[in-house]
Amino acid sequence: ALAKLPHEFSGGQRQRLMIALSLLPQPQLVIADEPT
């Protein structure tokens, strides 16, 4: 998956990837602006 380009993922998969990216830095607060 990490070798693929963005267009090779569905919208739901891309939003899962954004959730992953938001949690990787181990934040205290995540701001989700109408993510669905």
PDB file of all heavy atoms in Angstrom:
ATOM      1  N   ALA A   1       0.824  -1.209   0.000  1.00  0.00           N
ATOM      2  CA  ALA A   1       0.000   0.000   0.000  1.00  0.00           C
ATOM      3  C   ALA A   1       0.858   1.259   0.000  1.00  0.00           C
ATOM      4  O   ALA A   1       0.545   2.240  -0.699  1.00  0.00           O
ATOM      5  CB  ALA A   1      -0.922   0.005   1.213  1.00  0.00           C
ATOM      6  N   LEU A   2       1.951   1.250   0.747  1.00  0.00           N
ATOM      7  CA  LEU A   2       2.774   2.446   0.848  1.00  0.00           C
ATOM      8  C   LEU A   2       3.472   2.793  -0.462  1.00  0.00           C
ATOM      9  O   LEU A   2       3.920   3.930  -0.645  1.00  0.00           O
ATOM     10  CB  LEU A   2       3.810   2.266   1.959  1.00  0.00           C
ATOM     11  CG  LEU A   2       3.237   2.192   3.384  1.00  0.00           C
ATOM     12  CD1 LEU A   2       4.355   1.966   4.393  1.00  0.00           C
ATOM     13  CD2 LEU A   2       2.463   3.456   3.723  1.00  0.00           C
ATOM     14  N   ALA A   3       3.559   1.846  -1.390  1.00  0.00           N
ATOM     15  CA  ALA A   3       4.182   2.109  -2.687  1.00  0.00           C
ATOM     16  C   ALA A   3       3.178   2.623  -3.715  1.00  0.00           C
ATOM     17  O   ALA A   3       3.565   2.999  -4.825  1.00  0.00           O
ATOM     18  CB  ALA A   3       4.843   0.829  -3.209  1.00  0.00           C
ATOM     19  N   LYS A   4       1.886   2.676  -3.353  1.00  0.00           N
ATOM     20  CA  LYS A   4       0.854   3.078  -4.307  1.00  0.00           C
ATOM     21  C   LYS A   4       0.692   4.591  -4.341  1.00  0.00           C
ATOM     22  O   LYS A   4       1.001   5.304  -3.379  1.00  0.00           O
ATOM     23  CB  LYS A   4      -0.480   2.440  -3.931  1.00  0.00           C
ATOM     24  CG  LYS A   4      -0.525   0.930  -4.101  1.00  0.00           C
ATOM     25  CD  LYS A   4      -1.906   0.402  -3.729  1.00  0.00           C
ATOM     26  CE  LYS A   4      -2.000  -1.110  -3.918  1.00  0.00           C
ATOM     27  NZ  LYS A   4      -3.339  -1.635  -3.563  1.00  0.00           N
ATOM     28  N   LEU A   5       0.139   5.071  -5.461  1.00  0.00           N
ATOM     29  CA  LEU A   5      -0.223   6.471  -5.599  1.00  0.00           C
ATOM     30  C   LEU A   5      -1.616   6.702  -4.999  1.00  0.00           C
ATOM     31  O   LEU A   5      -2.424   5.766  -4.901  1.00  0.00           O
ATOM     32  CB  LEU A   5      -0.218   6.885  -7.067  1.00  0.00           C
ATOM     33  CG  LEU A   5       1.158   6.894  -7.751  1.00  0.00           C
ATOM     34  CD1 LEU A   5       1.003   7.104  -9.251  1.00  0.00           C
ATOM     35  CD2 LEU A   5       2.060   7.961  -7.144  1.00  0.00           C
ATOM     36  N   PRO A   6      -1.946   7.935  -4.596  1.00  0.00           N
ATOM     37  CA  PRO A   6      -3.230   8.197  -3.940  1.00  0.00           C
ATOM     38  C   PRO A   6      -4.452   7.747  -4.726  1.00  0.00           C
ATOM     39  O   PRO A   6      -5.432   7.271  -4.148  1.00  0.00           O
ATOM     40  CB  PRO A   6      -3.217   9.720  -3.763  1.00  0.00           C
ATOM     41  CG  PRO A   6      -1.767  10.056  -3.638  1.00  0.00           C
ATOM     42  CD  PRO A   6      -1.065   9.116  -4.577  1.00  0.00           C
ATOM     43  N   HIS A   7      -4.411   7.867  -6.073  1.00  0.00           N
ATOM     44  CA  HIS A   7      -5.600   7.523  -6.851  1.00  0.00           C
ATOM     45  C   HIS A   7      -5.903   6.022  -6.831  1.00  0.00           C
ATOM     46  O   HIS A   7      -6.993   5.596  -7.247  1.00  0.00           O
ATOM     47  CB  HIS A   7      -5.447   8.005  -8.306  1.00  0.00           C
ATOM     48  CG  HIS A   7      -4.521   7.161  -9.128  1.00  0.00           C
ATOM     49  ND1 HIS A   7      -3.172   7.460  -9.259  1.00  0.00           N
ATOM     50  CD2 HIS A   7      -4.728   6.027  -9.849  1.00  0.00           C
ATOM     51  CE1 HIS A   7      -2.610   6.552 -10.033  1.00  0.00           C
ATOM     52  NE2 HIS A   7      -3.521   5.662 -10.405  1.00  0.00           N
ATOM     53  N   GLU A   8      -4.972   5.227  -6.342  1.00  0.00           N
ATOM     54  CA  GLU A   8      -5.184   3.783  -6.273  1.00  0.00           C
ATOM     55  C   GLU A   8      -5.963   3.363  -5.014  1.00  0.00           C
ATOM     56  O   GLU A   8      -6.213   2.178  -4.820  1.00  0.00           O
ATOM     57  CB  GLU A   8      -3.840   3.057  -6.325  1.00  0.00           C
ATOM     58  CG  GLU A   8      -3.076   3.286  -7.626  1.00  0.00           C
ATOM     59  CD  GLU A   8      -1.747   2.575  -7.655  1.00  0.00           C
ATOM     60  OE1 GLU A   8      -1.727   1.361  -7.959  1.00  0.00           O
ATOM     61  OE2 GLU A   8      -0.715   3.229  -7.370  1.00  0.00           O
ATOM     62  N   PHE A   9      -6.322   4.333  -4.188  1.00  0.00           N
ATOM     63  CA  PHE A   9      -7.101   4.059  -2.984  1.00  0.00           C
ATOM     64  C   PHE A   9      -8.503   4.641  -3.138  1.00  0.00           C
ATOM     65  O   PHE A   9      -8.707   5.661  -3.802  1.00  0.00           O
ATOM     66  CB  PHE A   9      -6.439   4.684  -1.754  1.00  0.00           C
ATOM     67  CG  PHE A   9      -5.101   4.101  -1.407  1.00  0.00           C
ATOM     68  CD1 PHE A   9      -3.941   4.652  -1.937  1.00  0.00           C
ATOM     69  CD2 PHE A   9      -4.990   3.020  -0.561  1.00  0.00           C
ATOM     70  CE1 PHE A   9      -2.691   4.133  -1.628  1.00  0.00           C
ATOM     71  CE2 PHE A   9      -3.749   2.487  -0.233  1.00  0.00           C
ATOM     72  CZ  PHE A   9      -2.605   3.042  -0.772  1.00  0.00           C
ATOM     73  N   SER A  10      -9.476   4.007  -2.480  1.00  0.00           N
ATOM     74  CA  SER A  10     -10.835   4.557  -2.445  1.00  0.00           C
ATOM     75  C   SER A  10     -10.879   5.741  -1.481  1.00  0.00           C
ATOM     76  O   SER A  10      -9.938   5.984  -0.712  1.00  0.00           O
ATOM     77  CB  SER A  10     -11.815   3.485  -1.966  1.00  0.00           C
ATOM     78  OG  SER A  10     -11.580   3.163  -0.601  1.00  0.00           O
ATOM     79  N   GLY A  11     -11.993   6.483  -1.495  1.00  0.00           N
ATOM     80  CA  GLY A  11     -12.141   7.610  -0.576  1.00  0.00           C
ATOM     81  C   GLY A  11     -12.065   7.187   0.874  1.00  0.00           C
ATOM     82  O   GLY A  11     -11.427   7.845   1.698  1.00  0.00           O
ATOM     83  N   GLY A  12     -12.715   6.078   1.204  1.00  0.00           N
ATOM     84  CA  GLY A  12     -12.671   5.585   2.570  1.00  0.00           C
ATOM     85  C   GLY A  12     -11.277   5.178   2.998  1.00  0.00           C
ATOM     86  O   GLY A  12     -10.853   5.433   4.131  1.00  0.00           O
ATOM     87  N   GLN A  13     -10.529   4.547   2.088  1.00  0.00           N
ATOM     88  CA  GLN A  13      -9.149   4.159   2.401  1.00  0.00           C
ATOM     89  C   GLN A  13      -8.262   5.388   2.599  1.00  0.00           C
ATOM     90  O   GLN A  13      -7.413   5.422   3.481  1.00  0.00           O
ATOM     91  CB  GLN A  13      -8.592   3.274   1.292  1.00  0.00           C
ATOM     92  CG  GLN A  13      -9.173   1.870   1.268  1.00  0.00           C
ATOM     93  CD  GLN A  13      -8.650   1.058   0.102  1.00  0.00           C
ATOM     94  OE1 GLN A  13      -8.467   1.565  -1.008  1.00  0.00           O
ATOM     95  NE2 GLN A  13      -8.416  -0.231   0.330  1.00  0.00           N
ATOM     96  N   ARG A  14      -8.485   6.407   1.777  1.00  0.00           N
ATOM     97  CA  ARG A  14      -7.696   7.625   1.939  1.00  0.00           C
ATOM     98  C   ARG A  14      -7.985   8.298   3.288  1.00  0.00           C
ATOM     99  O   ARG A  14      -7.081   8.833   3.934  1.00  0.00           O
ATOM    100  CB  ARG A  14      -7.959   8.592   0.793  1.00  0.00           C
ATOM    101  CG  ARG A  14      -7.003   8.382  -0.370  1.00  0.00           C
ATOM    102  CD  ARG A  14      -7.253   9.344  -1.496  1.00  0.00           C
ATOM    103  NE  ARG A  14      -8.315   8.849  -2.366  1.00  0.00           N
ATOM    104  CZ  ARG A  14      -8.498   9.247  -3.618  1.00  0.00           C
ATOM    105  NH1 ARG A  14      -7.704  10.138  -4.144  1.00  0.00           N
ATOM    106  NH2 ARG A  14      -9.467   8.752  -4.349  1.00  0.00           N
ATOM    107  N   GLN A  15      -9.235   8.244   3.723  1.00  0.00           N
ATOM    108  CA  GLN A  15      -9.532   8.839   5.024  1.00  0.00           C
ATOM    109  C   GLN A  15      -8.951   7.995   6.150  1.00  0.00           C
ATOM    110  O   GLN A  15      -8.525   8.536   7.184  1.00  0.00           O
ATOM    111  CB  GLN A  15     -11.042   9.027   5.196  1.00  0.00           C
ATOM    112  CG  GLN A  15     -11.450  10.109   6.180  1.00  0.00           C
ATOM    113  CD  GLN A  15     -10.918  11.480   5.829  1.00  0.00           C
ATOM    114  OE1 GLN A  15      -9.710  11.711   5.818  1.00  0.00           O
ATOM    115  NE2 GLN A  15     -11.809  12.414   5.537  1.00  0.00           N
ATOM    116  N   ARG A  16      -8.873   6.683   5.978  1.00  0.00           N
ATOM    117  CA  ARG A  16      -8.177   5.836   6.953  1.00  0.00           C
ATOM    118  C   ARG A  16      -6.696   6.211   7.019  1.00  0.00           C
ATOM    119  O   ARG A  16      -6.095   6.247   8.098  1.00  0.00           O
ATOM    120  CB  ARG A  16      -8.326   4.360   6.579  1.00  0.00           C
ATOM    121  CG  ARG A  16      -9.721   3.791   6.793  1.00  0.00           C
ATOM    122  CD  ARG A  16      -9.825   2.374   6.239  1.00  0.00           C
ATOM    123  NE  ARG A  16     -11.180   1.867   6.327  1.00  0.00           N
ATOM    124  CZ  ARG A  16     -11.679   1.210   7.384  1.00  0.00           C
ATOM    125  NH1 ARG A  16     -10.894   0.953   8.430  1.00  0.00           N
ATOM    126  NH2 ARG A  16     -12.925   0.792   7.396  1.00  0.00           N
ATOM    127  N   LEU A  17      -6.111   6.488   5.862  1.00  0.00           N
ATOM    128  CA  LEU A  17      -4.711   6.906   5.827  1.00  0.00           C
ATOM    129  C   LEU A  17      -4.522   8.256   6.522  1.00  0.00           C
ATOM    130  O   LEU A  17      -3.507   8.474   7.213  1.00  0.00           O
ATOM    131  CB  LEU A  17      -4.216   6.988   4.384  1.00  0.00           C
ATOM    132  CG  LEU A  17      -4.060   5.639   3.661  1.00  0.00           C
ATOM    133  CD1 LEU A  17      -3.892   5.850   2.161  1.00  0.00           C
ATOM    134  CD2 LEU A  17      -2.872   4.850   4.224  1.00  0.00           C
ATOM    135  N   MET A  18      -5.498   9.154   6.383  1.00  0.00           N
ATOM    136  CA  MET A  18      -5.409  10.439   7.072  1.00  0.00           C
ATOM    137  C   MET A  18      -5.532  10.263   8.577  1.00  0.00           C
ATOM    138  O   MET A  18      -4.862  10.960   9.354  1.00  0.00           O
ATOM    139  CB  MET A  18      -6.490  11.395   6.560  1.00  0.00           C
ATOM    140  CG  MET A  18      -6.246  11.938   5.159  1.00  0.00           C
ATOM    141  SD  MET A  18      -4.612  12.685   4.918  1.00  0.00           S
ATOM    142  CE  MET A  18      -4.575  13.918   6.212  1.00  0.00           C
ATOM    143  N   ILE A  19      -6.369   9.337   9.019  1.00  0.00           N
ATOM    144  CA  ILE A  19      -6.458   9.040  10.451  1.00  0.00           C
ATOM    145  C   ILE A  19      -5.124   8.505  10.946  1.00  0.00           C
ATOM    146  O   ILE A  19      -4.622   8.905  12.012  1.00  0.00           O
ATOM    147  CB  ILE A  19      -7.594   8.039  10.726  1.00  0.00           C
ATOM    148  CG1 ILE A  19      -8.955   8.700  10.458  1.00  0.00           C
ATOM    149  CG2 ILE A  19      -7.535   7.515  12.163  1.00  0.00           C
ATOM    150  CD1 ILE A  19     -10.132   7.741  10.546  1.00  0.00           C
ATOM    151  N   ALA A  20      -4.526   7.596  10.158  1.00  0.00           N
ATOM    152  CA  ALA A  20      -3.208   7.066  10.526  1.00  0.00           C
ATOM    153  C   ALA A  20      -2.183   8.190  10.640  1.00  0.00           C
ATOM    154  O   ALA A  20      -1.418   8.267  11.611  1.00  0.00           O
ATOM    155  CB  ALA A  20      -2.756   6.038   9.486  1.00  0.00           C
ATOM    156  N   LEU A  21      -2.174   9.094   9.670  1.00  0.00           N
ATOM    157  CA  LEU A  21      -1.200  10.182   9.664  1.00  0.00           C
ATOM    158  C   LEU A  21      -1.418  11.124  10.844  1.00  0.00           C
ATOM    159  O   LEU A  21      -0.458  11.649  11.416  1.00  0.00           O
ATOM    160  CB  LEU A  21      -1.304  10.947   8.344  1.00  0.00           C
ATOM    161  CG  LEU A  21      -0.178  11.921   7.996  1.00  0.00           C
ATOM    162  CD1 LEU A  21       1.179  11.219   8.023  1.00  0.00           C
ATOM    163  CD2 LEU A  21      -0.422  12.549   6.639  1.00  0.00           C
ATOM    164  N   SER A  22      -2.671  11.326  11.239  1.00  0.00           N
ATOM    165  CA  SER A  22      -2.961  12.219  12.366  1.00  0.00           C
ATOM    166  C   SER A  22      -2.534  11.616  13.704  1.00  0.00           C
ATOM    167  O   SER A  22      -2.223  12.345  14.645  1.00  0.00           O
ATOM    168  CB  SER A  22      -4.450  12.559  12.400  1.00  0.00           C
ATOM    169  OG  SER A  22      -5.226  11.454  12.846  1.00  0.00           O
ATOM    170  N   LEU A  23      -2.505  10.282  13.797  1.00  0.00           N
ATOM    171  CA  LEU A  23      -2.183   9.630  15.066  1.00  0.00           C
ATOM    172  C   LEU A  23      -0.703   9.272  15.197  1.00  0.00           C
ATOM    173  O   LEU A  23      -0.211   9.062  16.308  1.00  0.00           O
ATOM    174  CB  LEU A  23      -3.031   8.368  15.234  1.00  0.00           C
ATOM    175  CG  LEU A  23      -4.534   8.597  15.405  1.00  0.00           C
ATOM    176  CD1 LEU A  23      -5.274   7.267  15.434  1.00  0.00           C
ATOM    177  CD2 LEU A  23      -4.831   9.390  16.676  1.00  0.00           C
ATOM    178  N   LEU A  24       0.020   9.205  14.087  1.00  0.00           N
ATOM    179  CA  LEU A  24       1.430   8.810  14.119  1.00  0.00           C
ATOM    180  C   LEU A  24       2.306   9.710  15.007  1.00  0.00           C
ATOM    181  O   LEU A  24       3.194   9.207  15.703  1.00  0.00           O
ATOM    182  CB  LEU A  24       1.994   8.756  12.703  1.00  0.00           C
ATOM    183  CG  LEU A  24       1.757   7.443  11.950  1.00  0.00           C
ATOM    184  CD1 LEU A  24       2.059   7.635  10.474  1.00  0.00           C
ATOM    185  CD2 LEU A  24       2.615   6.322  12.534  1.00  0.00           C
ATOM    186  N   PRO A  25       2.098  11.022  15.035  1.00  0.00           N
ATOM    187  CA  PRO A  25       2.931  11.861  15.912  1.00  0.00           C
ATOM    188  C   PRO A  25       2.590  11.714  17.402  1.00  0.00           C
ATOM    189  O   PRO A  25       3.204  12.386  18.225  1.00  0.00           O
ATOM    190  CB  PRO A  25       2.631  13.293  15.426  1.00  0.00           C
ATOM    191  CG  PRO A  25       2.088  13.130  14.052  1.00  0.00           C
ATOM    192  CD  PRO A  25       1.313  11.850  14.103  1.00  0.00           C
ATOM    193  N   GLN A  26       1.616  10.861  17.741  1.00  0.00           N
ATOM    194  CA  GLN A  26       1.165  10.667  19.120  1.00  0.00           C
ATOM    195  C   GLN A  26       0.687  11.985  19.724  1.00  0.00           C
ATOM    196  O   GLN A  26       1.183  12.449  20.762  1.00  0.00           O
ATOM    197  CB  GLN A  26       2.268  10.041  19.963  1.00  0.00           C
ATOM    198  CG  GLN A  26       2.692   8.664  19.468  1.00  0.00           C
ATOM    199  CD  GLN A  26       3.843   8.067  20.269  1.00  0.00           C
ATOM    200  OE1 GLN A  26       4.226   8.571  21.319  1.00  0.00           O
ATOM    201  NE2 GLN A  26       4.407   6.962  19.763  1.00  0.00           N
ATOM    202  N   PRO A  27      -0.320  12.607  19.080  1.00  0.00           N
ATOM    203  CA  PRO A  27      -0.780  13.925  19.534  1.00  0.00           C
ATOM    204  C   PRO A  27      -1.626  13.826  20.803  1.00  0.00           C
ATOM    205  O   PRO A  27      -2.084  12.753  21.197  1.00  0.00           O
ATOM    206  CB  PRO A  27      -1.638  14.398  18.355  1.00  0.00           C
ATOM    207  CG  PRO A  27      -2.209  13.122  17.810  1.00  0.00           C
ATOM    208  CD  PRO A  27      -1.098  12.114  17.939  1.00  0.00           C
ATOM    209  N   GLN A  28      -1.854  14.988  21.410  1.00  0.00           N
ATOM    210  CA  GLN A  28      -2.804  15.085  22.513  1.00  0.00           C
ATOM    211  C   GLN A  28      -4.203  15.437  21.992  1.00  0.00           C
ATOM    212  O   GLN A  28      -5.194  15.097  22.629  1.00  0.00           O
ATOM    213  CB  GLN A  28      -2.336  16.153  23.505  1.00  0.00           C
ATOM    214  CG  GLN A  28      -1.042  15.813  24.224  1.00  0.00           C
ATOM    215  CD  GLN A  28      -0.473  17.011  24.946  1.00  0.00           C
ATOM    216  OE1 GLN A  28       0.234  17.835  24.365  1.00  0.00           O
ATOM    217  NE2 GLN A  28      -0.772  17.122  26.233  1.00  0.00           N
ATOM    218  N   LEU A  29      -4.263  16.157  20.870  1.00  0.00           N
ATOM    219  CA  LEU A  29      -5.540  16.609  20.316  1.00  0.00           C
ATOM    220  C   LEU A  29      -5.541  16.420  18.807  1.00  0.00           C
ATOM    221  O   LEU A  29      -4.583  16.789  18.128  1.00  0.00           O
ATOM    222  CB  LEU A  29      -5.762  18.097  20.640  1.00  0.00           C
ATOM    223  CG  LEU A  29      -6.977  18.780  20.000  1.00  0.00           C
ATOM    224  CD1 LEU A  29      -8.281  18.174  20.518  1.00  0.00           C
ATOM    225  CD2 LEU A  29      -6.950  20.284  20.262  1.00  0.00           C
ATOM    226  N   VAL A  30      -6.632  15.841  18.292  1.00  0.00           N
ATOM    227  CA  VAL A  30      -6.854  15.730  16.854  1.00  0.00           C
ATOM    228  C   VAL A  30      -8.069  16.586  16.504  1.00  0.00           C
ATOM    229  O   VAL A  30      -9.123  16.469  17.145  1.00  0.00           O
ATOM    230  CB  VAL A  30      -7.107  14.274  16.427  1.00  0.00           C
ATOM    231  CG1 VAL A  30      -7.508  14.208  14.951  1.00  0.00           C
ATOM    232  CG2 VAL A  30      -5.880  13.419  16.677  1.00  0.00           C
ATOM    233  N   ILE A  31      -7.927  17.445  15.512  1.00  0.00           N
ATOM    234  CA  ILE A  31      -9.049  18.235  15.017  1.00  0.00           C
ATOM    235  C   ILE A  31      -9.528  17.598  13.726  1.00  0.00           C
ATOM    236  O   ILE A  31      -8.787  17.522  12.741  1.00  0.00           O
ATOM    237  CB  ILE A  31      -8.654  19.699  14.792  1.00  0.00           C
ATOM    238  CG1 ILE A  31      -8.274  20.349  16.135  1.00  0.00           C
ATOM    239  CG2 ILE A  31      -9.776  20.475  14.118  1.00  0.00           C
ATOM    240  CD1 ILE A  31      -7.831  21.785  16.029  1.00  0.00           C
ATOM    241  N   ALA A  32     -10.755  17.091  13.748  1.00  0.00           N
ATOM    242  CA  ALA A  32     -11.344  16.414  12.587  1.00  0.00           C
ATOM    243  C   ALA A  32     -12.459  17.301  12.034  1.00  0.00           C
ATOM    244  O   ALA A  32     -13.505  17.452  12.664  1.00  0.00           O
ATOM    245  CB  ALA A  32     -11.889  15.046  12.998  1.00  0.00           C
ATOM    246  N   ASP A  33     -12.221  17.888  10.882  1.00  0.00           N
ATOM    247  CA  ASP A  33     -13.161  18.851  10.297  1.00  0.00           C
ATOM    248  C   ASP A  33     -14.079  18.145   9.306  1.00  0.00           C
ATOM    249  O   ASP A  33     -13.738  17.971   8.136  1.00  0.00           O
ATOM    250  CB  ASP A  33     -12.380  19.974   9.613  1.00  0.00           C
ATOM    251  CG  ASP A  33     -13.289  21.086   9.092  1.00  0.00           C
ATOM    252  OD1 ASP A  33     -14.445  21.163   9.548  1.00  0.00           O
ATOM    253  OD2 ASP A  33     -12.839  21.865   8.232  1.00  0.00           O
ATOM    254  N   GLU A  34     -15.232  17.711   9.779  1.00  0.00           N
ATOM    255  CA  GLU A  34     -16.224  17.009   8.962  1.00  0.00           C
ATOM    256  C   GLU A  34     -15.562  15.921   8.117  1.00  0.00           C
ATOM    257  O   GLU A  34     -15.692  15.911   6.884  1.00  0.00           O
ATOM    258  CB  GLU A  34     -16.990  18.004   8.089  1.00  0.00           C
ATOM    259  CG  GLU A  34     -17.639  19.124   8.898  1.00  0.00           C
ATOM    260  CD  GLU A  34     -18.816  19.778   8.205  1.00  0.00           C
ATOM    261  OE1 GLU A  34     -19.601  19.073   7.573  1.00  0.00           O
ATOM    262  OE2 GLU A  34     -18.942  21.000   8.314  1.00  0.00           O
ATOM    263  N   PRO A  35     -14.851  14.977   8.743  1.00  0.00           N
ATOM    264  CA  PRO A  35     -14.022  14.043   7.983  1.00  0.00           C
ATOM    265  C   PRO A  35     -14.781  12.985   7.201  1.00  0.00           C
ATOM    266  O   PRO A  35     -14.166  12.257   6.426  1.00  0.00           O
ATOM    267  CB  PRO A  35     -13.166  13.387   9.079  1.00  0.00           C
ATOM    268  CG  PRO A  35     -14.023  13.432  10.294  1.00  0.00           C
ATOM    269  CD  PRO A  35     -14.759  14.733  10.197  1.00  0.00           C
ATOM    270  N   THR A  36     -16.097  12.877   7.386  1.00  0.00           N
ATOM    271  CA  THR A  36     -16.851  11.855   6.659  1.00  0.00           C
ATOM    272  C   THR A  36     -17.827  12.448   5.651  1.00  0.00           C
ATOM    273  O   THR A  36     -18.600  11.710   5.037  1.00  0.00           O
ATOM    274  CB  THR A  36     -17.639  10.963   7.648  1.00  0.00           C
ATOM    275  OG1 THR A  36     -18.548  11.770   8.410  1.00  0.00           O
ATOM    276  CG2 THR A  36     -16.693  10.249   8.599  1.00  0.00           C
TER     277      THR A  36
END
